């Protein structure tokens, strides 16, 4: 799965598939490195999407002159 233009829910779904396959030992050693790399890329994509969404929400709230929620 390419991380370009992927939706958050799709990325999370694919991450769950990868983890399930690894947990069930359905992955050969030759395939493991590729799946770990893919998972790493998907995690980076999810983080970027979350950051972008957070910024968008903050901007929308600022436009309404409402206090932004406190994120921790």
PDB file of N, CA and C in Angstrom:
ATOM      1  N   UNK A   1       0.853  -1.185   0.000  1.00  0.00           N
ATOM      2  CA  UNK A   1       0.000   0.000   0.000  1.00  0.00           C
ATOM      3  C   UNK A   1       0.889   1.235   0.000  1.00  0.00           C
ATOM      4  N   UNK A   2       0.702   2.089  -0.954  1.00  0.00           N
ATOM      5  CA  UNK A   2       1.435   3.337  -1.019  1.00  0.00           C
ATOM      6  C   UNK A   2       0.844   4.321  -0.022  1.00  0.00           C
ATOM      7  N   UNK A   3       1.707   5.061   0.676  1.00  0.00           N
ATOM      8  CA  UNK A   3       1.214   5.989   1.692  1.00  0.00           C
ATOM      9  C   UNK A   3       0.755   7.316   1.100  1.00  0.00           C
ATOM     10  N   UNK A   4       0.972   7.518  -0.195  1.00  0.00           N
ATOM     11  CA  UNK A   4       0.513   8.743  -0.846  1.00  0.00           C
ATOM     12  C   UNK A   4      -0.998   8.691  -1.024  1.00  0.00           C
ATOM     13  N   UNK A   5      -1.676   9.727  -0.573  1.00  0.00           N
ATOM     14  CA  UNK A   5      -3.132   9.855  -0.698  1.00  0.00           C
ATOM     15  C   UNK A   5      -3.916   8.748   0.001  1.00  0.00           C
ATOM     16  N   UNK A   6      -3.333   8.134   0.995  1.00  0.00           N
ATOM     17  CA  UNK A   6      -4.035   7.094   1.741  1.00  0.00           C
ATOM     18  C   UNK A   6      -4.855   7.766   2.843  1.00  0.00           C
ATOM     19  N   UNK A   7      -6.022   7.215   3.108  1.00  0.00           N
ATOM     20  CA  UNK A   7      -6.862   7.727   4.188  1.00  0.00           C
ATOM     21  C   UNK A   7      -6.405   7.108   5.501  1.00  0.00           C
ATOM     22  N   UNK A   8      -6.667   7.841   6.578  1.00  0.00           N
ATOM     23  CA  UNK A   8      -6.262   7.379   7.906  1.00  0.00           C
ATOM     24  C   UNK A   8      -6.848   5.996   8.211  1.00  0.00           C
ATOM     25  N   UNK A   9      -8.125   5.818   7.965  1.00  0.00           N
ATOM     26  CA  UNK A   9      -8.769   4.537   8.278  1.00  0.00           C
ATOM     27  C   UNK A   9      -8.164   3.386   7.460  1.00  0.00           C
ATOM     28  N   UNK A  10      -7.769   3.662   6.225  1.00  0.00           N
ATOM     29  CA  UNK A  10      -7.133   2.638   5.405  1.00  0.00           C
ATOM     30  C   UNK A  10      -5.756   2.275   5.962  1.00  0.00           C
ATOM     31  N   UNK A  11      -5.010   3.290   6.375  1.00  0.00           N
ATOM     32  CA  UNK A  11      -3.674   3.058   6.926  1.00  0.00           C
ATOM     33  C   UNK A  11      -3.761   2.246   8.210  1.00  0.00           C
ATOM     34  N   UNK A  12      -4.711   2.600   9.084  1.00  0.00           N
ATOM     35  CA  UNK A  12      -4.880   1.863  10.334  1.00  0.00           C
ATOM     36  C   UNK A  12      -5.300   0.427  10.047  1.00  0.00           C
ATOM     37  N   UNK A  13      -6.194   0.250   9.090  1.00  0.00           N
ATOM     38  CA  UNK A  13      -6.623  -1.095   8.713  1.00  0.00           C
ATOM     39  C   UNK A  13      -5.470  -1.953   8.235  1.00  0.00           C
ATOM     40  N   UNK A  14      -4.619  -1.374   7.413  1.00  0.00           N
ATOM     41  CA  UNK A  14      -3.460  -2.115   6.904  1.00  0.00           C
ATOM     42  C   UNK A  14      -2.480  -2.428   8.026  1.00  0.00           C
ATOM     43  N   UNK A  15      -2.282  -1.472   8.946  1.00  0.00           N
ATOM     44  CA  UNK A  15      -1.414  -1.730  10.095  1.00  0.00           C
ATOM     45  C   UNK A  15      -1.940  -2.892  10.928  1.00  0.00           C
ATOM     46  N   UNK A  16      -3.243  -2.932  11.119  1.00  0.00           N
ATOM     47  CA  UNK A  16      -3.847  -4.035  11.874  1.00  0.00           C
ATOM     48  C   UNK A  16      -3.626  -5.369  11.171  1.00  0.00           C
ATOM     49  N   UNK A  17      -3.728  -5.374   9.843  1.00  0.00           N
ATOM     50  CA  UNK A  17      -3.477  -6.605   9.075  1.00  0.00           C
ATOM     51  C   UNK A  17      -2.037  -7.073   9.264  1.00  0.00           C
ATOM     52  N   UNK A  18      -1.111  -6.130   9.171  1.00  0.00           N
ATOM     53  CA  UNK A  18       0.307  -6.468   9.318  1.00  0.00           C
ATOM     54  C   UNK A  18       0.573  -7.047  10.697  1.00  0.00           C
ATOM     55  N   UNK A  19       0.057  -6.383  11.725  1.00  0.00           N
ATOM     56  CA  UNK A  19       0.274  -6.860  13.093  1.00  0.00           C
ATOM     57  C   UNK A  19      -0.355  -8.226  13.327  1.00  0.00           C
ATOM     58  N   UNK A  20      -1.534  -8.421  12.785  1.00  0.00           N
ATOM     59  CA  UNK A  20      -2.202  -9.715  12.936  1.00  0.00           C
ATOM     60  C   UNK A  20      -1.382 -10.822  12.289  1.00  0.00           C
ATOM     61  N   UNK A  21      -0.870 -10.573  11.092  1.00  0.00           N
ATOM     62  CA  UNK A  21      -0.052 -11.578  10.403  1.00  0.00           C
ATOM     63  C   UNK A  21       1.228 -11.878  11.173  1.00  0.00           C
ATOM     64  N   UNK A  22       1.841 -10.844  11.716  1.00  0.00           N
ATOM     65  CA  UNK A  22       3.070 -11.059  12.489  1.00  0.00           C
ATOM     66  C   UNK A  22       2.754 -11.811  13.774  1.00  0.00           C
ATOM     67  N   UNK A  23       1.681 -11.415  14.463  1.00  0.00           N
ATOM     68  CA  UNK A  23       1.293 -12.091  15.709  1.00  0.00           C
ATOM     69  C   UNK A  23       0.974 -13.562  15.497  1.00  0.00           C
ATOM     70  N   UNK A  24       0.358 -13.875  14.389  1.00  0.00           N
ATOM     71  CA  UNK A  24      -0.024 -15.261  14.106  1.00  0.00           C
ATOM     72  C   UNK A  24       1.106 -16.054  13.454  1.00  0.00           C
ATOM     73  N   UNK A  25       2.242 -15.412  13.309  1.00  0.00           N
ATOM     74  CA  UNK A  25       3.408 -16.044  12.679  1.00  0.00           C
ATOM     75  C   UNK A  25       3.115 -16.465  11.248  1.00  0.00           C
ATOM     76  N   UNK A  26       2.269 -15.705  10.563  1.00  0.00           N
ATOM     77  CA  UNK A  26       1.950 -15.988   9.172  1.00  0.00           C
ATOM     78  C   UNK A  26       2.965 -15.372   8.208  1.00  0.00           C
ATOM     79  N   UNK A  27       4.029 -14.813   8.763  1.00  0.00           N
ATOM     80  CA  UNK A  27       4.993 -14.087   7.948  1.00  0.00           C
ATOM     81  C   UNK A  27       6.329 -14.804   8.000  1.00  0.00           C
ATOM     82  N   UNK A  28       6.851 -15.067   6.819  1.00  0.00           N
ATOM     83  CA  UNK A  28       8.181 -15.647   6.747  1.00  0.00           C
ATOM     84  C   UNK A  28       9.235 -14.600   7.038  1.00  0.00           C
ATOM     85  N   UNK A  29      10.394 -15.051   7.408  1.00  0.00           N
ATOM     86  CA  UNK A  29      11.479 -14.144   7.774  1.00  0.00           C
ATOM     87  C   UNK A  29      11.862 -13.226   6.608  1.00  0.00           C
ATOM     88  N   UNK A  30      11.735 -13.738   5.384  1.00  0.00           N
ATOM     89  CA  UNK A  30      12.070 -12.933   4.217  1.00  0.00           C
ATOM     90  C   UNK A  30      11.099 -11.773   4.024  1.00  0.00           C
ATOM     91  N   UNK A  31       9.863 -11.974   4.424  1.00  0.00           N
ATOM     92  CA  UNK A  31       8.823 -10.970   4.246  1.00  0.00           C
ATOM     93  C   UNK A  31       8.760  -9.977   5.413  1.00  0.00           C
ATOM     94  N   UNK A  32       9.305 -10.374   6.556  1.00  0.00           N
ATOM     95  CA  UNK A  32       9.196  -9.578   7.772  1.00  0.00           C
ATOM     96  C   UNK A  32       9.780  -8.176   7.623  1.00  0.00           C
ATOM     97  N   UNK A  33      10.953  -8.055   7.060  1.00  0.00           N
ATOM     98  CA  UNK A  33      11.590  -6.742   6.913  1.00  0.00           C
ATOM     99  C   UNK A  33      10.744  -5.811   6.051  1.00  0.00           C
ATOM    100  N   UNK A  34      10.170  -6.337   4.985  1.00  0.00           N
ATOM    101  CA  UNK A  34       9.320  -5.518   4.120  1.00  0.00           C
ATOM    102  C   UNK A  34       8.071  -5.045   4.854  1.00  0.00           C
ATOM    103  N   UNK A  35       7.474  -5.919   5.662  1.00  0.00           N
ATOM    104  CA  UNK A  35       6.274  -5.542   6.407  1.00  0.00           C
ATOM    105  C   UNK A  35       6.583  -4.519   7.495  1.00  0.00           C
ATOM    106  N   UNK A  36       7.721  -4.665   8.148  1.00  0.00           N
ATOM    107  CA  UNK A  36       8.110  -3.686   9.169  1.00  0.00           C
ATOM    108  C   UNK A  36       8.341  -2.330   8.524  1.00  0.00           C
ATOM    109  N   UNK A  37       8.958  -2.295   7.363  1.00  0.00           N
ATOM    110  CA  UNK A  37       9.170  -1.033   6.644  1.00  0.00           C
ATOM    111  C   UNK A  37       7.831  -0.420   6.251  1.00  0.00           C
ATOM    112  N   UNK A  38       6.923  -1.237   5.731  1.00  0.00           N
ATOM    113  CA  UNK A  38       5.604  -0.740   5.348  1.00  0.00           C
ATOM    114  C   UNK A  38       4.867  -0.179   6.564  1.00  0.00           C
ATOM    115  N   UNK A  39       4.934  -0.903   7.679  1.00  0.00           N
ATOM    116  CA  UNK A  39       4.274  -0.442   8.900  1.00  0.00           C
ATOM    117  C   UNK A  39       4.858   0.882   9.366  1.00  0.00           C
ATOM    118  N   UNK A  40       6.158   1.018   9.294  1.00  0.00           N
ATOM    119  CA  UNK A  40       6.819   2.261   9.682  1.00  0.00           C
ATOM    120  C   UNK A  40       6.346   3.428   8.813  1.00  0.00           C
ATOM    121  N   UNK A  41       6.249   3.198   7.523  1.00  0.00           N
ATOM    122  CA  UNK A  41       5.766   4.234   6.604  1.00  0.00           C
ATOM    123  C   UNK A  41       4.311   4.602   6.899  1.00  0.00           C
ATOM    124  N   UNK A  42       3.506   3.607   7.210  1.00  0.00           N
ATOM    125  CA  UNK A  42       2.101   3.868   7.525  1.00  0.00           C
ATOM    126  C   UNK A  42       1.957   4.657   8.822  1.00  0.00           C
ATOM    127  N   UNK A  43       2.784   4.353   9.802  1.00  0.00           N
ATOM    128  CA  UNK A  43       2.751   5.092  11.064  1.00  0.00           C
ATOM    129  C   UNK A  43       3.120   6.550  10.824  1.00  0.00           C
ATOM    130  N   UNK A  44       4.134   6.790  10.008  1.00  0.00           N
ATOM    131  CA  UNK A  44       4.516   8.172   9.669  1.00  0.00           C
ATOM    132  C   UNK A  44       3.367   8.891   8.972  1.00  0.00           C
ATOM    133  N   UNK A  45       2.703   8.190   8.081  1.00  0.00           N
ATOM    134  CA  UNK A  45       1.560   8.767   7.370  1.00  0.00           C
ATOM    135  C   UNK A  45       0.442   9.110   8.349  1.00  0.00           C
ATOM    136  N   UNK A  46       0.139   8.206   9.266  1.00  0.00           N
ATOM    137  CA  UNK A  46      -0.917   8.459  10.257  1.00  0.00           C
ATOM    138  C   UNK A  46      -0.576   9.660  11.122  1.00  0.00           C
ATOM    139  N   UNK A  47       0.660   9.753  11.551  1.00  0.00           N
ATOM    140  CA  UNK A  47       1.079  10.903  12.360  1.00  0.00           C
ATOM    141  C   UNK A  47       0.907  12.205  11.588  1.00  0.00           C
ATOM    142  N   UNK A  48       1.298  12.200  10.329  1.00  0.00           N
ATOM    143  CA  UNK A  48       1.162  13.404   9.507  1.00  0.00           C
ATOM    144  C   UNK A  48      -0.305  13.779   9.321  1.00  0.00           C
ATOM    145  N   UNK A  49      -1.149  12.783   9.093  1.00  0.00           N
ATOM    146  CA  UNK A  49      -2.582  13.050   8.933  1.00  0.00           C
ATOM    147  C   UNK A  49      -3.190  13.599  10.218  1.00  0.00           C
ATOM    148  N   UNK A  50      -2.800  13.046  11.358  1.00  0.00           N
ATOM    149  CA  UNK A  50      -3.308  13.532  12.634  1.00  0.00           C
ATOM    150  C   UNK A  50      -2.853  14.966  12.904  1.00  0.00           C
ATOM    151  N   UNK A  51      -1.609  15.258  12.610  1.00  0.00           N
ATOM    152  CA  UNK A  51      -1.080  16.608  12.797  1.00  0.00           C
ATOM    153  C   UNK A  51      -1.815  17.598  11.906  1.00  0.00           C
ATOM    154  N   UNK A  52      -2.030  17.214  10.670  1.00  0.00           N
ATOM    155  CA  UNK A  52      -2.745  18.070   9.721  1.00  0.00           C
ATOM    156  C   UNK A  52      -4.184  18.315  10.175  1.00  0.00           C
ATOM    157  N   UNK A  53      -4.833  17.271  10.638  1.00  0.00           N
ATOM    158  CA  UNK A  53      -6.208  17.399  11.107  1.00  0.00           C
ATOM    159  C   UNK A  53      -6.276  18.287  12.343  1.00  0.00           C
ATOM    160  N   UNK A  54      -5.343  18.109  13.257  1.00  0.00           N
ATOM    161  CA  UNK A  54      -5.311  18.940  14.462  1.00  0.00           C
ATOM    162  C   UNK A  54      -5.155  20.413  14.093  1.00  0.00           C
ATOM    163  N   UNK A  55      -4.262  20.693  13.167  1.00  0.00           N
ATOM    164  CA  UNK A  55      -4.038  22.074  12.728  1.00  0.00           C
ATOM    165  C   UNK A  55      -5.299  22.646  12.074  1.00  0.00           C
ATOM    166  N   UNK A  56      -5.948  21.851  11.278  1.00  0.00           N
ATOM    167  CA  UNK A  56      -7.169  22.285  10.612  1.00  0.00           C
ATOM    168  C   UNK A  56      -8.270  22.608  11.627  1.00  0.00           C
ATOM    169  N   UNK A  57      -8.399  21.760  12.639  1.00  0.00           N
ATOM    170  CA  UNK A  57      -9.401  21.992  13.686  1.00  0.00           C
ATOM    171  C   UNK A  57      -9.075  23.280  14.441  1.00  0.00           C
ATOM    172  N   UNK A  58      -7.819  23.475  14.791  1.00  0.00           N
ATOM    173  CA  UNK A  58      -7.412  24.696  15.496  1.00  0.00           C
ATOM    174  C   UNK A  58      -7.739  25.938  14.677  1.00  0.00           C
ATOM    175  N   UNK A  59      -7.421  25.869  13.383  1.00  0.00           N
ATOM    176  CA  UNK A  59      -7.706  27.015  12.511  1.00  0.00           C
ATOM    177  C   UNK A  59      -9.203  27.286  12.413  1.00  0.00           C
ATOM    178  N   UNK A  60      -9.987  26.235  12.336  1.00  0.00           N
ATOM    179  CA  UNK A  60     -11.440  26.394  12.267  1.00  0.00           C
ATOM    180  C   UNK A  60     -11.974  27.023  13.546  1.00  0.00           C
ATOM    181  N   UNK A  61     -11.472  26.572  14.685  1.00  0.00           N
ATOM    182  CA  UNK A  61     -11.909  27.130  15.964  1.00  0.00           C
ATOM    183  C   UNK A  61     -11.477  28.589  16.108  1.00  0.00           C
ATOM    184  N   UNK A  62     -10.270  28.884  15.659  1.00  0.00           N
ATOM    185  CA  UNK A  62      -9.797  30.264  15.724  1.00  0.00           C
ATOM    186  C   UNK A  62     -10.658  31.176  14.853  1.00  0.00           C
ATOM    187  N   UNK A  63     -11.100  30.665  13.728  1.00  0.00           N
ATOM    188  CA  UNK A  63     -11.951  31.447  12.833  1.00  0.00           C
ATOM    189  C   UNK A  63     -13.295  31.746  13.480  1.00  0.00           C
ATOM    190  N   UNK A  64     -13.715  30.886  14.393  1.00  0.00           N
ATOM    191  CA  UNK A  64     -14.967  31.090  15.111  1.00  0.00           C
ATOM    192  C   UNK A  64     -14.770  31.871  16.408  1.00  0.00           C
ATOM    193  N   UNK A  65     -13.531  32.214  16.714  1.00  0.00           N
ATOM    194  CA  UNK A  65     -13.173  32.888  17.962  1.00  0.00           C
ATOM    195  C   UNK A  65     -13.534  32.068  19.189  1.00  0.00           C
ATOM    196  N   UNK A  66     -13.432  30.743  19.064  1.00  0.00           N
ATOM    197  CA  UNK A  66     -13.656  29.841  20.191  1.00  0.00           C
ATOM    198  C   UNK A  66     -12.311  29.368  20.714  1.00  0.00           C
ATOM    199  N   UNK A  67     -12.240  29.092  21.993  1.00  0.00           N
ATOM    200  CA  UNK A  67     -10.973  28.563  22.503  1.00  0.00           C
ATOM    201  C   UNK A  67     -10.705  27.170  21.931  1.00  0.00           C
ATOM    202  N   UNK A  68      -9.464  26.899  21.579  1.00  0.00           N
ATOM    203  CA  UNK A  68      -9.137  25.577  21.055  1.00  0.00           C
ATOM    204  C   UNK A  68      -9.023  24.596  22.217  1.00  0.00           C
ATOM    205  N   UNK A  69      -9.349  23.340  21.954  1.00  0.00           N
ATOM    206  CA  UNK A  69      -9.266  22.338  23.013  1.00  0.00           C
ATOM    207  C   UNK A  69      -7.803  22.116  23.409  1.00  0.00           C
ATOM    208  N   UNK A  70      -7.600  21.784  24.641  1.00  0.00           N
ATOM    209  CA  UNK A  70      -6.238  21.513  25.129  1.00  0.00           C
ATOM    210  C   UNK A  70      -5.876  20.079  24.789  1.00  0.00           C
ATOM    211  N   UNK A  71      -4.845  19.908  23.991  1.00  0.00           N
ATOM    212  CA  UNK A  71      -4.353  18.590  23.647  1.00  0.00           C
ATOM    213  C   UNK A  71      -3.128  18.321  24.488  1.00  0.00           C
ATOM    214  N   UNK A  72      -3.036  17.117  24.955  1.00  0.00           N
ATOM    215  CA  UNK A  72      -1.841  16.791  25.731  1.00  0.00           C
ATOM    216  C   UNK A  72      -1.121  15.630  25.142  1.00  0.00           C
TER     217      UNK A  72
END
